[in-house]
Amino acid sequence: MALRDICLRELGRVDILVSAAGVTARTPSLEMSDADWQRIIDTNLTGTLHACRVFAEPMIARASGRIISIASLSSFLGFFEV
């Protein structure tokens, strides 16, 4: 919320949010630690959800704004790791 509040104070409004944060681990699924898995989920999914919630609030209040979420190509592909 701090970033949103600074943007609103300095710019007056936020018209567009582009959410493009993402991380991965090139690790075979059976060897991936719970901590690595949680880091990926927290960044790619939970982080996106939080950004949308925070920045959507003033957009909804003024009935204007856009949210664009970008995923990498690896979200569509499965890689075989041995």
N, C-alpha and C. Protein backbone atom coordinates (compact mmCIF):
# COMPACT_ATOMS: atom_id res chain seq x y z
N MET A 1 0.82 -1.19 0.00
CA MET A 1 0.00 0.00 0.00
C MET A 1 0.86 1.26 0.00
N ALA A 2 2.07 1.15 0.53
CA ALA A 2 2.94 2.33 0.58
C ALA A 2 3.25 2.83 -0.83
N LEU A 3 3.58 1.91 -1.74
CA LEU A 3 3.88 2.31 -3.12
C LEU A 3 2.66 2.94 -3.77
N ARG A 4 1.51 2.33 -3.59
CA ARG A 4 0.28 2.89 -4.15
C ARG A 4 0.02 4.29 -3.61
N ASP A 5 0.18 4.47 -2.31
CA ASP A 5 -0.07 5.77 -1.70
C ASP A 5 0.89 6.83 -2.22
N ILE A 6 2.15 6.46 -2.41
CA ILE A 6 3.12 7.40 -2.99
C ILE A 6 2.73 7.77 -4.41
N CYS A 7 2.35 6.78 -5.20
CA CYS A 7 1.92 7.03 -6.59
C CYS A 7 0.72 7.96 -6.62
N LEU A 8 -0.25 7.70 -5.78
CA LEU A 8 -1.45 8.54 -5.75
C LEU A 8 -1.11 9.96 -5.30
N ARG A 9 -0.25 10.08 -4.32
CA ARG A 9 0.14 11.40 -3.83
C ARG A 9 0.92 12.18 -4.89
N GLU A 10 1.87 11.52 -5.55
CA GLU A 10 2.74 12.19 -6.52
C GLU A 10 2.08 12.39 -7.88
N LEU A 11 1.27 11.42 -8.30
CA LEU A 11 0.70 11.44 -9.65
C LEU A 11 -0.79 11.78 -9.69
N GLY A 12 -1.45 11.67 -8.57
CA GLY A 12 -2.88 11.97 -8.52
C GLY A 12 -3.77 10.77 -8.76
N ARG A 13 -3.32 9.84 -9.58
CA ARG A 13 -4.08 8.61 -9.84
C ARG A 13 -3.17 7.61 -10.53
N VAL A 14 -3.59 6.37 -10.53
CA VAL A 14 -2.89 5.31 -11.26
C VAL A 14 -3.87 4.78 -12.30
N ASP A 15 -3.47 4.89 -13.56
CA ASP A 15 -4.34 4.44 -14.65
C ASP A 15 -4.10 2.99 -15.03
N ILE A 16 -2.85 2.53 -14.92
CA ILE A 16 -2.49 1.19 -15.38
C ILE A 16 -1.55 0.53 -14.37
N LEU A 17 -1.83 -0.72 -14.06
CA LEU A 17 -0.91 -1.56 -13.30
C LEU A 17 -0.45 -2.67 -14.23
N VAL A 18 0.85 -2.82 -14.39
CA VAL A 18 1.41 -3.93 -15.14
C VAL A 18 2.12 -4.83 -14.15
N SER A 19 1.62 -6.03 -13.99
CA SER A 19 2.19 -7.00 -13.07
C SER A 19 2.99 -8.00 -13.89
N ALA A 20 4.31 -8.00 -13.72
CA ALA A 20 5.15 -8.87 -14.53
C ALA A 20 6.23 -9.58 -13.72
N ALA A 21 6.12 -9.58 -12.41
CA ALA A 21 7.13 -10.24 -11.58
C ALA A 21 6.97 -11.75 -11.70
N GLY A 22 8.09 -12.43 -11.75
CA GLY A 22 8.04 -13.89 -11.81
C GLY A 22 9.40 -14.49 -11.55
N VAL A 23 9.41 -15.60 -10.86
CA VAL A 23 10.64 -16.34 -10.60
C VAL A 23 10.39 -17.81 -10.87
N THR A 24 11.46 -18.56 -11.02
CA THR A 24 11.36 -20.00 -11.18
C THR A 24 12.60 -20.64 -10.61
N ALA A 25 12.60 -21.93 -10.58
CA ALA A 25 13.78 -22.70 -10.16
C ALA A 25 13.92 -23.86 -11.13
N ARG A 26 15.03 -23.93 -11.82
CA ARG A 26 15.27 -25.02 -12.77
C ARG A 26 15.74 -26.24 -11.97
N THR A 27 14.80 -26.81 -11.25
CA THR A 27 15.07 -27.95 -10.38
C THR A 27 14.05 -29.04 -10.67
N PRO A 28 14.47 -30.28 -10.74
CA PRO A 28 13.48 -31.35 -10.90
C PRO A 28 12.44 -31.29 -9.78
N SER A 29 11.20 -31.51 -10.14
CA SER A 29 10.09 -31.40 -9.17
C SER A 29 10.32 -32.23 -7.91
N LEU A 30 10.85 -33.42 -8.07
CA LEU A 30 11.05 -34.28 -6.91
C LEU A 30 12.17 -33.80 -6.00
N GLU A 31 12.99 -32.89 -6.49
CA GLU A 31 14.10 -32.37 -5.69
C GLU A 31 13.87 -30.95 -5.19
N MET A 32 12.78 -30.33 -5.60
CA MET A 32 12.53 -28.94 -5.20
C MET A 32 12.15 -28.88 -3.72
N SER A 33 12.79 -27.96 -3.02
CA SER A 33 12.49 -27.81 -1.60
C SER A 33 11.15 -27.07 -1.42
N ASP A 34 10.55 -27.27 -0.28
CA ASP A 34 9.31 -26.56 0.02
C ASP A 34 9.54 -25.05 0.04
N ALA A 35 10.72 -24.63 0.51
CA ALA A 35 11.04 -23.19 0.55
C ALA A 35 11.11 -22.60 -0.85
N ASP A 36 11.74 -23.31 -1.79
CA ASP A 36 11.80 -22.82 -3.18
C ASP A 36 10.40 -22.76 -3.78
N TRP A 37 9.61 -23.80 -3.55
CA TRP A 37 8.24 -23.83 -4.07
C TRP A 37 7.45 -22.64 -3.53
N GLN A 38 7.56 -22.40 -2.23
CA GLN A 38 6.81 -21.31 -1.62
C GLN A 38 7.26 -19.96 -2.15
N ARG A 39 8.56 -19.77 -2.39
CA ARG A 39 9.08 -18.53 -2.96
C ARG A 39 8.48 -18.27 -4.35
N ILE A 40 8.38 -19.32 -5.15
CA ILE A 40 7.81 -19.19 -6.49
C ILE A 40 6.33 -18.82 -6.41
N ILE A 41 5.58 -19.53 -5.58
CA ILE A 41 4.15 -19.25 -5.42
C ILE A 41 3.92 -17.85 -4.86
N ASP A 42 4.72 -17.47 -3.86
CA ASP A 42 4.56 -16.15 -3.24
C ASP A 42 4.82 -15.03 -4.25
N THR A 43 5.83 -15.19 -5.08
CA THR A 43 6.14 -14.15 -6.06
C THR A 43 5.16 -14.15 -7.22
N ASN A 44 5.00 -15.30 -7.85
CA ASN A 44 4.23 -15.37 -9.10
C ASN A 44 2.73 -15.24 -8.91
N LEU A 45 2.21 -15.79 -7.85
CA LEU A 45 0.75 -15.77 -7.65
C LEU A 45 0.33 -14.80 -6.56
N THR A 46 0.84 -14.98 -5.36
CA THR A 46 0.41 -14.15 -4.24
C THR A 46 0.80 -12.69 -4.45
N GLY A 47 2.00 -12.45 -4.96
CA GLY A 47 2.43 -11.08 -5.23
C GLY A 47 1.55 -10.39 -6.24
N THR A 48 1.18 -11.12 -7.28
CA THR A 48 0.28 -10.56 -8.30
C THR A 48 -1.09 -10.24 -7.70
N LEU A 49 -1.61 -11.16 -6.90
CA LEU A 49 -2.90 -10.94 -6.24
C LEU A 49 -2.86 -9.70 -5.35
N HIS A 50 -1.81 -9.56 -4.56
CA HIS A 50 -1.71 -8.41 -3.66
C HIS A 50 -1.62 -7.10 -4.43
N ALA A 51 -0.81 -7.08 -5.49
CA ALA A 51 -0.69 -5.86 -6.29
C ALA A 51 -2.04 -5.49 -6.91
N CYS A 52 -2.75 -6.48 -7.42
CA CYS A 52 -4.07 -6.21 -8.01
C CYS A 52 -5.05 -5.67 -6.98
N ARG A 53 -5.07 -6.28 -5.81
CA ARG A 53 -5.97 -5.80 -4.75
C ARG A 53 -5.68 -4.34 -4.37
N VAL A 54 -4.41 -4.05 -4.15
CA VAL A 54 -4.01 -2.72 -3.67
C VAL A 54 -4.28 -1.65 -4.73
N PHE A 55 -3.87 -1.91 -5.97
CA PHE A 55 -4.02 -0.88 -7.00
C PHE A 55 -5.42 -0.84 -7.60
N ALA A 56 -6.18 -1.93 -7.52
CA ALA A 56 -7.53 -1.93 -8.07
C ALA A 56 -8.49 -1.08 -7.25
N GLU A 57 -8.26 -0.98 -5.96
CA GLU A 57 -9.18 -0.25 -5.08
C GLU A 57 -9.46 1.17 -5.57
N PRO A 58 -8.44 2.01 -5.82
CA PRO A 58 -8.74 3.35 -6.32
C PRO A 58 -9.26 3.35 -7.76
N MET A 59 -8.88 2.35 -8.56
CA MET A 59 -9.41 2.26 -9.93
C MET A 59 -10.91 1.98 -9.91
N ILE A 60 -11.31 1.09 -9.04
CA ILE A 60 -12.74 0.76 -8.91
C ILE A 60 -13.50 1.97 -8.40
N ALA A 61 -12.93 2.67 -7.43
CA ALA A 61 -13.60 3.84 -6.85
C ALA A 61 -13.88 4.91 -7.90
N ARG A 62 -12.99 5.07 -8.87
CA ARG A 62 -13.24 6.08 -9.90
C ARG A 62 -13.75 5.47 -11.22
N ALA A 63 -14.02 4.16 -11.21
CA ALA A 63 -14.58 3.44 -12.37
C ALA A 63 -13.72 3.58 -13.62
N SER A 64 -12.39 3.54 -13.41
CA SER A 64 -11.48 3.67 -14.54
C SER A 64 -10.13 3.09 -14.18
N GLY A 65 -9.51 2.41 -15.13
CA GLY A 65 -8.17 1.86 -14.92
C GLY A 65 -8.04 0.50 -15.59
N ARG A 66 -6.80 0.07 -15.73
CA ARG A 66 -6.51 -1.21 -16.36
C ARG A 66 -5.46 -1.95 -15.56
N ILE A 67 -5.62 -3.28 -15.50
CA ILE A 67 -4.62 -4.13 -14.89
C ILE A 67 -4.19 -5.15 -15.94
N ILE A 68 -2.89 -5.22 -16.17
CA ILE A 68 -2.32 -6.15 -17.15
C ILE A 68 -1.36 -7.06 -16.40
N SER A 69 -1.61 -8.36 -16.46
CA SER A 69 -0.71 -9.32 -15.83
C SER A 69 -0.01 -10.10 -16.94
N ILE A 70 1.30 -10.12 -16.87
CA ILE A 70 2.11 -10.76 -17.90
C ILE A 70 2.78 -11.99 -17.31
N ALA A 71 2.68 -13.10 -18.02
CA ALA A 71 3.35 -14.34 -17.60
C ALA A 71 4.45 -14.64 -18.61
N SER A 72 5.44 -15.37 -18.17
CA SER A 72 6.50 -15.74 -19.10
C SER A 72 6.07 -16.96 -19.91
N LEU A 73 6.81 -17.22 -20.96
CA LEU A 73 6.53 -18.38 -21.80
C LEU A 73 6.60 -19.67 -21.00
N SER A 74 7.44 -19.70 -19.97
CA SER A 74 7.58 -20.93 -19.18
C SER A 74 6.30 -21.28 -18.42
N SER A 75 5.35 -20.36 -18.33
CA SER A 75 4.08 -20.71 -17.69
C SER A 75 3.21 -21.58 -18.60
N PHE A 76 3.61 -21.70 -19.86
CA PHE A 76 2.86 -22.50 -20.82
C PHE A 76 3.58 -23.78 -21.20
N LEU A 77 4.80 -23.93 -20.77
CA LEU A 77 5.62 -25.07 -21.16
C LEU A 77 6.03 -25.88 -19.93
N GLY A 78 6.11 -27.15 -20.13
CA GLY A 78 6.66 -28.01 -19.09
C GLY A 78 8.05 -28.45 -19.53
N PHE A 79 9.01 -28.33 -18.65
CA PHE A 79 10.37 -28.73 -18.98
C PHE A 79 10.70 -30.03 -18.26
N PHE A 80 11.33 -30.93 -18.97
CA PHE A 80 11.75 -32.19 -18.39
C PHE A 80 13.12 -32.00 -17.74
N GLU A 81 13.19 -32.17 -16.46
CA GLU A 81 14.45 -32.04 -15.72
C GLU A 81 14.80 -33.42 -15.14
N VAL A 82 16.02 -33.83 -15.36
CA VAL A 82 16.47 -35.13 -14.84
C VAL A 82 17.42 -34.92 -13.70
